[in-house]
Amino acid sequence: MDNYRPVDRNPAPEWYGRLRVQTADLGPARWLTERVPGRDDFGTVAGVAAPGFAAYARVLHPASLNERPVRWTEVAAAYQREVTAGTNWHEVIGADRDYYGAAEHALPGVWDEHPAEGPTPPVVAQALIPILARHTRTSEHCWFGLWHGYGRWDFGRLPSFETPGRDEVLLAGTLADAVSPVSLDEFAELPDLWWPQDRAWCLGGDVDLVSTYVGGSQELIADLLAASELEAHLVAPGDRVG
């Protein structure tokens, strides 16, 4: 989109990076809100991404050392531990579940910053985009959900749709536009949810998580697991998230 305009707090923003904020028709998100009656996906892989896909992957957000990404397996090896599909970050570093601050846990020469907590970090998003693009016919027409609780922009007055535990503002743009919010602010959150018009896959993240989850075809998930620039594990839709 060439008619990019920066976000303004008042009135409610029309653009979030190059993503257009949808204020009228939330229909493209209806498939995410019409879940099986009585089904509770909260806290599961399917609750973060979406139910109904053939396969799912958990993509770990890297830790860092001097701003260089560090894989969980590198950190775990330094502690003589292993990383599995269900491993939590605090288990990798031997900390309490409610860990705070990197300084008290950092291991010199191995890592000095915890994995980014929240939706997909830009470094992970940049690696995901070309893989996701190969598995949809509509990469130029995608939809995105952004939790309206992120504090730096006023999304509270905009219409939203519900997912398990969250209310999301609907955005539209190309798949490549998913990382455009960083043009507003280097700390701007990327959308929590991404899906193409053909619904070939759905990517989900959350403000409280250090992983991104992707549901899609067996072929897509195999590509994610094989990608050298990603640290990903095969998971099931009902698996609990951290």
Protein backbone atom coordinates (compact mmCIF):
# COMPACT_ATOMS: atom_id res chain seq x y z
CA MET A 1 0.00 0.00 0.00
CA ASP A 2 1.50 3.32 -1.09
CA ASN A 3 -0.83 5.60 0.91
CA TYR A 4 0.90 4.90 4.22
CA ARG A 5 0.04 7.24 7.05
CA PRO A 6 1.48 7.17 10.57
CA VAL A 7 -0.68 6.13 13.48
CA ASP A 8 -2.22 8.93 15.53
CA ARG A 9 -3.66 8.40 19.00
CA ASN A 10 -6.67 10.67 18.40
CA PRO A 11 -8.72 9.86 16.43
CA ALA A 12 -8.34 6.07 16.36
CA PRO A 13 -5.64 5.02 13.85
CA GLU A 14 -6.52 4.13 10.27
CA TRP A 15 -3.14 2.51 9.60
CA TYR A 16 -0.74 0.40 11.64
CA GLY A 17 2.43 0.54 9.62
CA ARG A 18 1.21 -0.45 6.14
CA LEU A 19 -1.67 -2.48 7.57
CA ARG A 20 -5.12 -0.95 7.15
CA VAL A 21 -7.26 -0.94 10.29
CA GLN A 22 -10.71 -2.38 9.58
CA THR A 23 -13.50 -0.43 11.27
CA ALA A 24 -16.62 -1.70 9.52
CA ASP A 25 -16.71 -5.31 8.32
CA LEU A 26 -15.14 -7.88 10.67
CA GLY A 27 -16.49 -10.73 8.54
CA PRO A 28 -13.04 -12.02 7.49
CA ALA A 29 -12.41 -12.97 11.13
CA ARG A 30 -15.72 -14.75 11.66
CA TRP A 31 -14.23 -18.19 11.00
CA LEU A 32 -11.95 -17.65 14.01
CA THR A 33 -14.81 -16.75 16.33
CA GLU A 34 -17.31 -19.45 15.28
CA ARG A 35 -15.82 -22.33 17.24
CA VAL A 36 -17.50 -25.59 18.20
CA PRO A 37 -20.09 -24.87 20.94
CA GLY A 38 -18.76 -25.86 24.34
CA ARG A 39 -15.21 -26.18 23.10
CA ASP A 40 -12.62 -24.43 25.26
CA ASP A 41 -9.36 -23.82 23.42
CA PHE A 42 -7.99 -21.28 25.89
CA GLY A 43 -4.37 -21.98 26.77
CA THR A 44 -3.86 -24.46 23.94
CA VAL A 45 -2.07 -24.38 20.59
CA ALA A 46 -5.42 -24.22 18.77
CA GLY A 47 -6.51 -21.38 21.02
CA VAL A 48 -3.48 -19.30 20.10
CA ALA A 49 -3.54 -20.11 16.38
CA ALA A 50 -6.81 -21.71 15.17
CA PRO A 51 -8.37 -25.18 15.26
CA GLY A 52 -8.90 -27.47 12.31
CA PHE A 53 -5.51 -27.65 10.58
CA ALA A 54 -3.72 -30.84 9.59
CA ALA A 55 -0.56 -30.03 11.56
CA TYR A 56 0.93 -27.45 13.92
CA ALA A 57 4.38 -26.10 14.78
CA ARG A 58 5.73 -24.19 17.73
CA VAL A 59 8.34 -21.63 16.67
CA LEU A 60 10.58 -20.52 19.54
CA HIS A 61 11.51 -16.88 19.95
CA PRO A 62 15.30 -16.74 20.30
CA ALA A 63 17.20 -15.48 23.31
CA SER A 64 20.07 -13.15 22.50
CA LEU A 65 23.70 -12.38 23.27
CA ASN A 66 24.92 -8.88 22.45
CA GLU A 67 21.74 -8.52 20.33
CA ARG A 68 22.60 -11.64 18.31
CA PRO A 69 19.85 -14.32 18.27
CA VAL A 70 20.66 -17.42 20.31
CA ARG A 71 18.75 -20.68 19.92
CA TRP A 72 17.19 -22.37 22.93
CA THR A 73 19.19 -25.50 22.19
CA GLU A 74 22.45 -23.52 22.51
CA VAL A 75 21.37 -22.21 25.90
CA ALA A 76 20.13 -25.61 27.04
CA ALA A 77 23.40 -27.28 26.06
CA ALA A 78 25.30 -24.82 28.26
CA TYR A 79 23.16 -25.98 31.21
CA GLN A 80 23.37 -29.63 30.12
CA ARG A 81 19.64 -29.71 29.42
CA GLU A 82 17.50 -30.59 26.40
CA VAL A 83 14.71 -28.75 24.59
CA THR A 84 11.58 -30.65 23.57
CA ALA A 85 8.32 -29.51 21.98
CA GLY A 86 6.84 -28.70 25.38
CA THR A 87 9.85 -27.17 27.12
CA ASN A 88 9.33 -23.80 28.78
CA TRP A 89 12.05 -21.15 28.78
CA HIS A 90 12.28 -21.04 32.57
CA GLU A 91 13.01 -24.79 32.50
CA VAL A 92 15.87 -24.22 30.05
CA ILE A 93 17.62 -21.77 32.38
CA GLY A 94 16.60 -23.43 35.65
CA ALA A 95 14.60 -20.45 36.88
CA ASP A 96 11.29 -20.07 38.63
CA ARG A 97 8.27 -19.82 36.32
CA ASP A 98 7.89 -16.15 37.28
CA TYR A 99 11.43 -15.15 36.32
CA TYR A 100 12.27 -11.44 36.18
CA GLY A 101 15.19 -9.63 34.62
CA ALA A 102 18.01 -11.09 32.57
CA ALA A 103 20.82 -9.98 34.85
CA GLU A 104 20.17 -12.53 37.57
CA HIS A 105 19.95 -15.43 35.10
CA ALA A 106 22.18 -14.49 32.16
CA LEU A 107 25.07 -16.81 31.38
CA PRO A 108 28.15 -14.88 30.21
CA GLY A 109 29.20 -15.81 26.71
CA VAL A 110 25.96 -17.73 26.08
CA TRP A 111 22.99 -15.39 26.49
CA ASP A 112 22.15 -12.06 28.09
CA GLU A 113 18.51 -11.38 27.10
CA HIS A 114 15.46 -13.58 27.52
CA PRO A 115 13.39 -14.51 24.44
CA ALA A 116 10.97 -11.77 23.42
CA GLU A 117 7.65 -12.19 25.20
CA GLY A 118 4.69 -11.26 23.02
CA PRO A 119 3.69 -11.69 19.38
CA THR A 120 6.17 -12.81 16.75
CA PRO A 121 9.47 -10.85 16.93
CA PRO A 122 10.55 -9.21 13.65
CA VAL A 123 13.62 -11.46 13.26
CA VAL A 124 11.37 -14.53 13.42
CA ALA A 125 8.71 -12.94 11.23
CA GLN A 126 11.24 -12.20 8.49
CA ALA A 127 12.21 -15.87 8.43
CA LEU A 128 8.60 -17.06 8.46
CA ILE A 129 7.23 -14.85 5.68
CA PRO A 130 8.88 -16.52 2.64
CA ILE A 131 7.95 -19.99 3.93
CA LEU A 132 4.35 -19.01 4.59
CA ALA A 133 4.16 -17.31 1.18
CA ARG A 134 4.97 -20.59 -0.56
CA HIS A 135 1.95 -22.22 1.05
CA THR A 136 -0.84 -19.83 0.08
CA ARG A 137 -2.27 -18.54 -3.17
CA THR A 138 -3.20 -15.22 -1.55
CA SER A 139 -0.06 -13.78 0.05
CA GLU A 140 -1.03 -10.37 -1.40
CA HIS A 141 -4.34 -10.47 0.48
CA CYS A 142 -3.95 -11.30 4.16
CA TRP A 143 -5.72 -10.52 7.39
CA PHE A 144 -4.25 -9.84 10.81
CA GLY A 145 -5.46 -9.63 14.39
CA LEU A 146 -3.86 -7.26 16.91
CA TRP A 147 -4.75 -7.39 20.60
CA HIS A 148 -6.30 -4.03 21.45
CA GLY A 149 -4.62 -4.01 24.87
CA TYR A 150 -1.17 -2.99 23.61
CA GLY A 151 -0.65 0.36 25.24
CA ARG A 152 1.15 2.67 22.82
CA TRP A 153 -1.79 3.17 20.43
CA ASP A 154 -5.44 3.76 21.19
CA PHE A 155 -7.27 0.76 19.75
CA GLY A 156 -9.81 0.52 22.57
CA ARG A 157 -12.54 2.39 20.67
CA LEU A 158 -12.30 0.26 17.55
CA PRO A 159 -14.56 -2.73 16.81
CA SER A 160 -12.89 -6.02 17.70
CA PHE A 161 -13.40 -9.76 17.41
CA GLU A 162 -12.93 -12.34 20.14
CA THR A 163 -10.45 -15.19 20.30
CA PRO A 164 -9.88 -17.31 23.42
CA GLY A 165 -8.84 -14.82 26.10
CA ARG A 166 -8.30 -11.83 23.78
CA ASP A 167 -10.13 -9.12 21.83
CA GLU A 168 -8.46 -8.38 18.50
CA VAL A 169 -8.57 -5.45 16.09
CA LEU A 170 -8.76 -6.57 12.44
CA LEU A 171 -6.07 -5.36 10.01
CA ALA A 172 -5.53 -5.99 6.29
CA GLY A 173 -2.47 -6.00 4.05
CA THR A 174 -0.02 -8.20 2.22
CA LEU A 175 1.93 -10.92 3.99
CA ALA A 176 5.10 -8.84 3.65
CA ASP A 177 3.29 -5.97 5.43
CA ALA A 178 3.20 -8.03 8.65
CA VAL A 179 6.53 -6.53 9.75
CA SER A 180 5.71 -2.94 8.73
CA PRO A 181 4.67 -1.75 12.24
CA VAL A 182 8.37 -1.55 13.17
CA SER A 183 8.52 1.51 10.89
CA LEU A 184 6.43 3.30 13.54
CA ASP A 185 8.48 2.26 16.55
CA GLU A 186 11.20 -0.38 16.93
CA PHE A 187 9.23 -1.76 19.87
CA ALA A 188 5.86 -1.83 18.08
CA GLU A 189 4.18 -5.22 18.41
CA LEU A 190 3.55 -7.16 15.24
CA PRO A 191 0.04 -8.61 14.83
CA ASP A 192 -0.80 -11.57 17.06
CA LEU A 193 -2.72 -13.37 14.32
CA TRP A 194 -1.96 -13.72 10.60
CA TRP A 195 -3.93 -15.62 7.97
CA PRO A 196 -4.28 -15.40 4.18
CA GLN A 197 -7.56 -14.92 2.37
CA ASP A 198 -7.54 -18.60 1.32
CA ARG A 199 -7.07 -19.66 4.98
CA ALA A 200 -4.30 -22.05 4.01
CA TRP A 201 -2.70 -21.49 7.42
CA CYS A 202 -2.98 -19.40 10.56
CA LEU A 203 -0.17 -17.99 12.68
CA GLY A 204 -0.80 -17.05 16.30
CA GLY A 205 1.12 -15.38 19.09
CA ASP A 206 0.22 -13.78 22.40
CA VAL A 207 1.43 -11.05 24.73
CA ASP A 208 2.31 -13.63 27.40
CA LEU A 209 4.19 -16.14 25.24
CA VAL A 210 7.76 -16.61 24.02
CA SER A 211 6.68 -18.81 21.11
CA THR A 212 4.66 -18.41 17.93
CA TYR A 213 2.30 -21.18 16.78
CA VAL A 214 1.41 -22.03 13.18
CA GLY A 215 -1.35 -24.30 11.93
CA GLY A 216 -1.41 -25.44 8.32
CA SER A 217 -0.82 -28.31 5.94
CA GLN A 218 1.56 -31.16 6.64
CA GLU A 219 3.81 -29.73 3.90
CA LEU A 220 3.95 -26.26 5.47
CA ILE A 221 4.77 -27.60 8.91
CA ALA A 222 7.48 -29.85 7.45
CA ASP A 223 9.02 -26.78 5.80
CA LEU A 224 8.97 -24.85 9.08
CA LEU A 225 10.60 -27.71 10.96
CA ALA A 226 13.31 -27.98 8.29
CA ALA A 227 14.10 -24.24 8.11
CA SER A 228 17.61 -23.66 9.43
CA GLU A 229 16.83 -20.06 10.40
CA LEU A 230 13.97 -21.15 12.66
CA GLU A 231 13.86 -23.24 15.83
CA ALA A 232 10.58 -25.11 15.54
CA HIS A 233 8.92 -28.20 17.01
CA LEU A 234 5.93 -30.29 16.00
CA VAL A 235 3.01 -29.86 18.40
CA ALA A 236 -0.64 -30.94 18.61
CA PRO A 237 -3.64 -28.57 18.65
CA GLY A 238 -4.59 -29.56 22.18
CA ASP A 239 -1.11 -29.14 23.66
CA ARG A 240 -0.89 -26.56 26.44
CA VAL A 241 1.10 -23.42 25.73
CA GLY A 242 3.54 -21.89 28.21
